[in-house]
Amino acid sequence: MRDRYCCLETGSISVYYPATLVTRPGYAAVRIKLKKFLFFKWLEIEGAKALVLYH
């Protein structure tokens, strides 16, 4: 299962994403942003093409 996902580490943050992730047409890269508001934190993903996974 580990070979199906890649890991990107920036400081103390690790982001795991599928190895099959591709950019959406018109985008040069996939951008992942960490957003914060008071006690809430979430990730926003921009420029990624939707993937269909079957298990």
PDB file of N, CA and C in Angstrom:
ATOM      1  N   MET A   1       0.825  -1.193   0.000  1.00  0.00           N
ATOM      2  CA  MET A   1       0.000   0.000   0.000  1.00  0.00           C
ATOM      3  C   MET A   1       0.871   1.260   0.000  1.00  0.00           C
ATOM      4  N   ARG A   2       2.047   1.216   0.597  1.00  0.00           N
ATOM      5  CA  ARG A   2       2.897   2.399   0.652  1.00  0.00           C
ATOM      6  C   ARG A   2       3.348   2.845  -0.735  1.00  0.00           C
ATOM      7  N   ASP A   3       3.499   1.929  -1.683  1.00  0.00           N
ATOM      8  CA  ASP A   3       3.945   2.316  -3.022  1.00  0.00           C
ATOM      9  C   ASP A   3       2.841   3.009  -3.816  1.00  0.00           C
ATOM     10  N   ARG A   4       1.610   2.987  -3.328  1.00  0.00           N
ATOM     11  CA  ARG A   4       0.500   3.658  -4.012  1.00  0.00           C
ATOM     12  C   ARG A   4       0.418   5.130  -3.634  1.00  0.00           C
ATOM     13  N   TYR A   5       1.141   5.545  -2.589  1.00  0.00           N
ATOM     14  CA  TYR A   5       1.089   6.930  -2.120  1.00  0.00           C
ATOM     15  C   TYR A   5       2.495   7.523  -2.043  1.00  0.00           C
ATOM     16  N   CYS A   6       2.595   8.806  -2.300  1.00  0.00           N
ATOM     17  CA  CYS A   6       3.851   9.545  -2.181  1.00  0.00           C
ATOM     18  C   CYS A   6       3.727  10.464  -0.964  1.00  0.00           C
ATOM     19  N   CYS A   7       4.857  10.916  -0.457  1.00  0.00           N
ATOM     20  CA  CYS A   7       4.860  11.783   0.709  1.00  0.00           C
ATOM     21  C   CYS A   7       5.698  13.017   0.412  1.00  0.00           C
ATOM     22  N   LEU A   8       5.188  14.169   0.780  1.00  0.00           N
ATOM     23  CA  LEU A   8       5.905  15.432   0.663  1.00  0.00           C
ATOM     24  C   LEU A   8       5.962  16.033   2.051  1.00  0.00           C
ATOM     25  N   GLU A   9       7.177  16.339   2.525  1.00  0.00           N
ATOM     26  CA  GLU A   9       7.342  16.912   3.856  1.00  0.00           C
ATOM     27  C   GLU A   9       7.865  18.335   3.752  1.00  0.00           C
ATOM     28  N   THR A  10       7.212  19.239   4.460  1.00  0.00           N
ATOM     29  CA  THR A  10       7.632  20.632   4.538  1.00  0.00           C
ATOM     30  C   THR A  10       7.625  21.020   6.007  1.00  0.00           C
ATOM     31  N   GLY A  11       8.791  21.151   6.577  1.00  0.00           N
ATOM     32  CA  GLY A  11       8.868  21.440   8.009  1.00  0.00           C
ATOM     33  C   GLY A  11       8.298  20.280   8.798  1.00  0.00           C
ATOM     34  N   SER A  12       7.316  20.545   9.639  1.00  0.00           N
ATOM     35  CA  SER A  12       6.700  19.494  10.452  1.00  0.00           C
ATOM     36  C   SER A  12       5.418  18.942   9.829  1.00  0.00           C
ATOM     37  N   ILE A  13       5.117  19.337   8.586  1.00  0.00           N
ATOM     38  CA  ILE A  13       3.890  18.896   7.916  1.00  0.00           C
ATOM     39  C   ILE A  13       4.227  17.847   6.866  1.00  0.00           C
ATOM     40  N   SER A  14       3.521  16.713   6.915  1.00  0.00           N
ATOM     41  CA  SER A  14       3.662  15.656   5.914  1.00  0.00           C
ATOM     42  C   SER A  14       2.344  15.509   5.175  1.00  0.00           C
ATOM     43  N   VAL A  15       2.395  15.514   3.842  1.00  0.00           N
ATOM     44  CA  VAL A  15       1.200  15.349   3.019  1.00  0.00           C
ATOM     45  C   VAL A  15       1.375  14.092   2.180  1.00  0.00           C
ATOM     46  N   TYR A  16       0.443  13.155   2.298  1.00  0.00           N
ATOM     47  CA  TYR A  16       0.451  11.934   1.509  1.00  0.00           C
ATOM     48  C   TYR A  16      -0.567  12.094   0.393  1.00  0.00           C
ATOM     49  N   TYR A  17      -0.186  11.715  -0.817  1.00  0.00           N
ATOM     50  CA  TYR A  17      -1.076  11.840  -1.961  1.00  0.00           C
ATOM     51  C   TYR A  17      -0.886  10.632  -2.870  1.00  0.00           C
ATOM     52  N   PRO A  18      -1.906  10.290  -3.675  1.00  0.00           N
ATOM     53  CA  PRO A  18      -1.798   9.130  -4.559  1.00  0.00           C
ATOM     54  C   PRO A  18      -0.718   9.338  -5.619  1.00  0.00           C
ATOM     55  N   ALA A  19      -0.007   8.272  -5.945  1.00  0.00           N
ATOM     56  CA  ALA A  19       1.051   8.338  -6.954  1.00  0.00           C
ATOM     57  C   ALA A  19       0.489   8.679  -8.333  1.00  0.00           C
ATOM     58  N   THR A  20      -0.797   8.474  -8.538  1.00  0.00           N
ATOM     59  CA  THR A  20      -1.436   8.736  -9.830  1.00  0.00           C
ATOM     60  C   THR A  20      -1.980  10.157  -9.949  1.00  0.00           C
ATOM     61  N   LEU A  21      -1.682  11.029  -8.993  1.00  0.00           N
ATOM     62  CA  LEU A  21      -2.174  12.405  -9.012  1.00  0.00           C
ATOM     63  C   LEU A  21      -1.619  13.152 -10.220  1.00  0.00           C
ATOM     64  N   VAL A  22      -2.492  13.810 -10.973  1.00  0.00           N
ATOM     65  CA  VAL A  22      -2.075  14.587 -12.143  1.00  0.00           C
ATOM     66  C   VAL A  22      -2.712  15.971 -12.075  1.00  0.00           C
ATOM     67  N   THR A  23      -2.118  16.907 -12.794  1.00  0.00           N
ATOM     68  CA  THR A  23      -2.656  18.267 -12.800  1.00  0.00           C
ATOM     69  C   THR A  23      -3.846  18.382 -13.737  1.00  0.00           C
ATOM     70  N   ARG A  24      -4.710  19.287 -13.429  1.00  0.00           N
ATOM     71  CA  ARG A  24      -5.863  19.579 -14.258  1.00  0.00           C
ATOM     72  C   ARG A  24      -5.389  20.378 -15.470  1.00  0.00           C
ATOM     73  N   PRO A  25      -6.022  20.217 -16.634  1.00  0.00           N
ATOM     74  CA  PRO A  25      -5.628  21.010 -17.800  1.00  0.00           C
ATOM     75  C   PRO A  25      -5.679  22.507 -17.496  1.00  0.00           C
ATOM     76  N   GLY A  26      -4.639  23.212 -17.905  1.00  0.00           N
ATOM     77  CA  GLY A  26      -4.559  24.643 -17.661  1.00  0.00           C
ATOM     78  C   GLY A  26      -3.767  25.014 -16.426  1.00  0.00           C
ATOM     79  N   TYR A  27      -3.369  24.041 -15.619  1.00  0.00           N
ATOM     80  CA  TYR A  27      -2.588  24.291 -14.410  1.00  0.00           C
ATOM     81  C   TYR A  27      -1.180  23.724 -14.593  1.00  0.00           C
ATOM     82  N   ALA A  28      -0.184  24.427 -14.077  1.00  0.00           N
ATOM     83  CA  ALA A  28       1.204  23.964 -14.182  1.00  0.00           C
ATOM     84  C   ALA A  28       1.567  23.019 -13.046  1.00  0.00           C
ATOM     85  N   ALA A  29       0.884  23.131 -11.919  1.00  0.00           N
ATOM     86  CA  ALA A  29       1.206  22.312 -10.752  1.00  0.00           C
ATOM     87  C   ALA A  29      -0.014  22.178  -9.856  1.00  0.00           C
ATOM     88  N   VAL A  30       0.057  21.232  -8.943  1.00  0.00           N
ATOM     89  CA  VAL A  30      -0.965  21.069  -7.917  1.00  0.00           C
ATOM     90  C   VAL A  30      -0.498  21.866  -6.711  1.00  0.00           C
ATOM     91  N   ARG A  31      -1.370  22.687  -6.180  1.00  0.00           N
ATOM     92  CA  ARG A  31      -1.024  23.515  -5.018  1.00  0.00           C
ATOM     93  C   ARG A  31      -1.874  23.081  -3.830  1.00  0.00           C
ATOM     94  N   ILE A  32      -1.217  22.834  -2.712  1.00  0.00           N
ATOM     95  CA  ILE A  32      -1.897  22.455  -1.474  1.00  0.00           C
ATOM     96  C   ILE A  32      -1.614  23.544  -0.449  1.00  0.00           C
ATOM     97  N   LYS A  33      -2.673  24.143   0.077  1.00  0.00           N
ATOM     98  CA  LYS A  33      -2.527  25.238   1.042  1.00  0.00           C
ATOM     99  C   LYS A  33      -3.123  24.834   2.381  1.00  0.00           C
ATOM    100  N   LEU A  34      -2.427  25.163   3.451  1.00  0.00           N
ATOM    101  CA  LEU A  34      -2.954  24.970   4.796  1.00  0.00           C
ATOM    102  C   LEU A  34      -3.664  26.255   5.207  1.00  0.00           C
ATOM    103  N   LYS A  35      -4.935  26.142   5.521  1.00  0.00           N
ATOM    104  CA  LYS A  35      -5.738  27.285   5.941  1.00  0.00           C
ATOM    105  C   LYS A  35      -6.040  27.153   7.429  1.00  0.00           C
ATOM    106  N   LYS A  36      -6.122  28.298   8.124  1.00  0.00           N
ATOM    107  CA  LYS A  36      -6.411  28.303   9.555  1.00  0.00           C
ATOM    108  C   LYS A  36      -7.431  29.378   9.878  1.00  0.00           C
ATOM    109  N   PHE A  37      -8.304  29.062  10.801  1.00  0.00           N
ATOM    110  CA  PHE A  37      -9.252  30.029  11.333  1.00  0.00           C
ATOM    111  C   PHE A  37      -9.564  29.625  12.762  1.00  0.00           C
ATOM    112  N   LEU A  38      -9.150  30.435  13.699  1.00  0.00           N
ATOM    113  CA  LEU A  38      -9.293  30.153  15.127  1.00  0.00           C
ATOM    114  C   LEU A  38      -8.694  28.786  15.463  1.00  0.00           C
ATOM    115  N   PHE A  39      -9.516  27.809  15.824  1.00  0.00           N
ATOM    116  CA  PHE A  39      -9.015  26.488  16.201  1.00  0.00           C
ATOM    117  C   PHE A  39      -9.100  25.472  15.074  1.00  0.00           C
ATOM    118  N   PHE A  40      -9.563  25.866  13.904  1.00  0.00           N
ATOM    119  CA  PHE A  40      -9.755  24.953  12.789  1.00  0.00           C
ATOM    120  C   PHE A  40      -8.609  25.064  11.795  1.00  0.00           C
ATOM    121  N   LYS A  41      -8.184  23.944  11.249  1.00  0.00           N
ATOM    122  CA  LYS A  41      -7.175  23.904  10.193  1.00  0.00           C
ATOM    123  C   LYS A  41      -7.655  22.924   9.122  1.00  0.00           C
ATOM    124  N   TRP A  42      -7.445  23.278   7.857  1.00  0.00           N
ATOM    125  CA  TRP A  42      -7.836  22.395   6.767  1.00  0.00           C
ATOM    126  C   TRP A  42      -6.900  22.618   5.588  1.00  0.00           C
ATOM    127  N   LEU A  43      -6.906  21.667   4.658  1.00  0.00           N
ATOM    128  CA  LEU A  43      -6.099  21.769   3.449  1.00  0.00           C
ATOM    129  C   LEU A  43      -6.988  22.101   2.268  1.00  0.00           C
ATOM    130  N   GLU A  44      -6.516  22.990   1.408  1.00  0.00           N
ATOM    131  CA  GLU A  44      -7.195  23.287   0.149  1.00  0.00           C
ATOM    132  C   GLU A  44      -6.302  22.804  -0.981  1.00  0.00           C
ATOM    133  N   ILE A  45      -6.876  22.063  -1.909  1.00  0.00           N
ATOM    134  CA  ILE A  45      -6.130  21.533  -3.050  1.00  0.00           C
ATOM    135  C   ILE A  45      -6.608  22.237  -4.303  1.00  0.00           C
ATOM    136  N   GLU A  46      -5.671  22.756  -5.090  1.00  0.00           N
ATOM    137  CA  GLU A  46      -5.994  23.517  -6.289  1.00  0.00           C
ATOM    138  C   GLU A  46      -5.203  22.949  -7.473  1.00  0.00           C
ATOM    139  N   GLY A  47      -5.876  22.716  -8.571  1.00  0.00           N
ATOM    140  CA  GLY A  47      -5.200  22.270  -9.791  1.00  0.00           C
ATOM    141  C   GLY A  47      -5.059  20.771  -9.946  1.00  0.00           C
ATOM    142  N   ALA A  48      -5.709  19.998  -9.089  1.00  0.00           N
ATOM    143  CA  ALA A  48      -5.623  18.541  -9.188  1.00  0.00           C
ATOM    144  C   ALA A  48      -6.784  18.002 -10.009  1.00  0.00           C
ATOM    145  N   LYS A  49      -6.505  17.033 -10.833  1.00  0.00           N
ATOM    146  CA  LYS A  49      -7.549  16.366 -11.606  1.00  0.00           C
ATOM    147  C   LYS A  49      -8.220  15.317 -10.724  1.00  0.00           C
ATOM    148  N   ALA A  50      -9.521  15.181 -10.839  1.00  0.00           N
ATOM    149  CA  ALA A  50     -10.255  14.207 -10.036  1.00  0.00           C
ATOM    150  C   ALA A  50      -9.828  12.790 -10.401  1.00  0.00           C
ATOM    151  N   LEU A  51      -9.721  11.951  -9.399  1.00  0.00           N
ATOM    152  CA  LEU A  51      -9.339  10.544  -9.598  1.00  0.00           C
ATOM    153  C   LEU A  51     -10.487   9.649  -9.206  1.00  0.00           C
ATOM    154  N   VAL A  52     -10.677   8.577  -9.938  1.00  0.00           N
ATOM    155  CA  VAL A  52     -11.681   7.576  -9.599  1.00  0.00           C
ATOM    156  C   VAL A  52     -10.938   6.356  -9.096  1.00  0.00           C
ATOM    157  N   LEU A  53     -11.234   5.952  -7.861  1.00  0.00           N
ATOM    158  CA  LEU A  53     -10.564   4.797  -7.259  1.00  0.00           C
ATOM    159  C   LEU A  53     -11.572   3.693  -7.040  1.00  0.00           C
ATOM    160  N   TYR A  54     -11.232   2.505  -7.475  1.00  0.00           N
ATOM    161  CA  TYR A  54     -12.077   1.334  -7.248  1.00  0.00           C
ATOM    162  C   TYR A  54     -11.325   0.374  -6.351  1.00  0.00           C
ATOM    163  N   HIS A  55     -12.002  -0.139  -5.327  1.00  0.00           N
ATOM    164  CA  HIS A  55     -11.365  -1.104  -4.418  1.00  0.00           C
ATOM    165  C   HIS A  55     -12.080  -2.414  -4.507  1.00  0.00           C
TER     166      HIS A  55
END
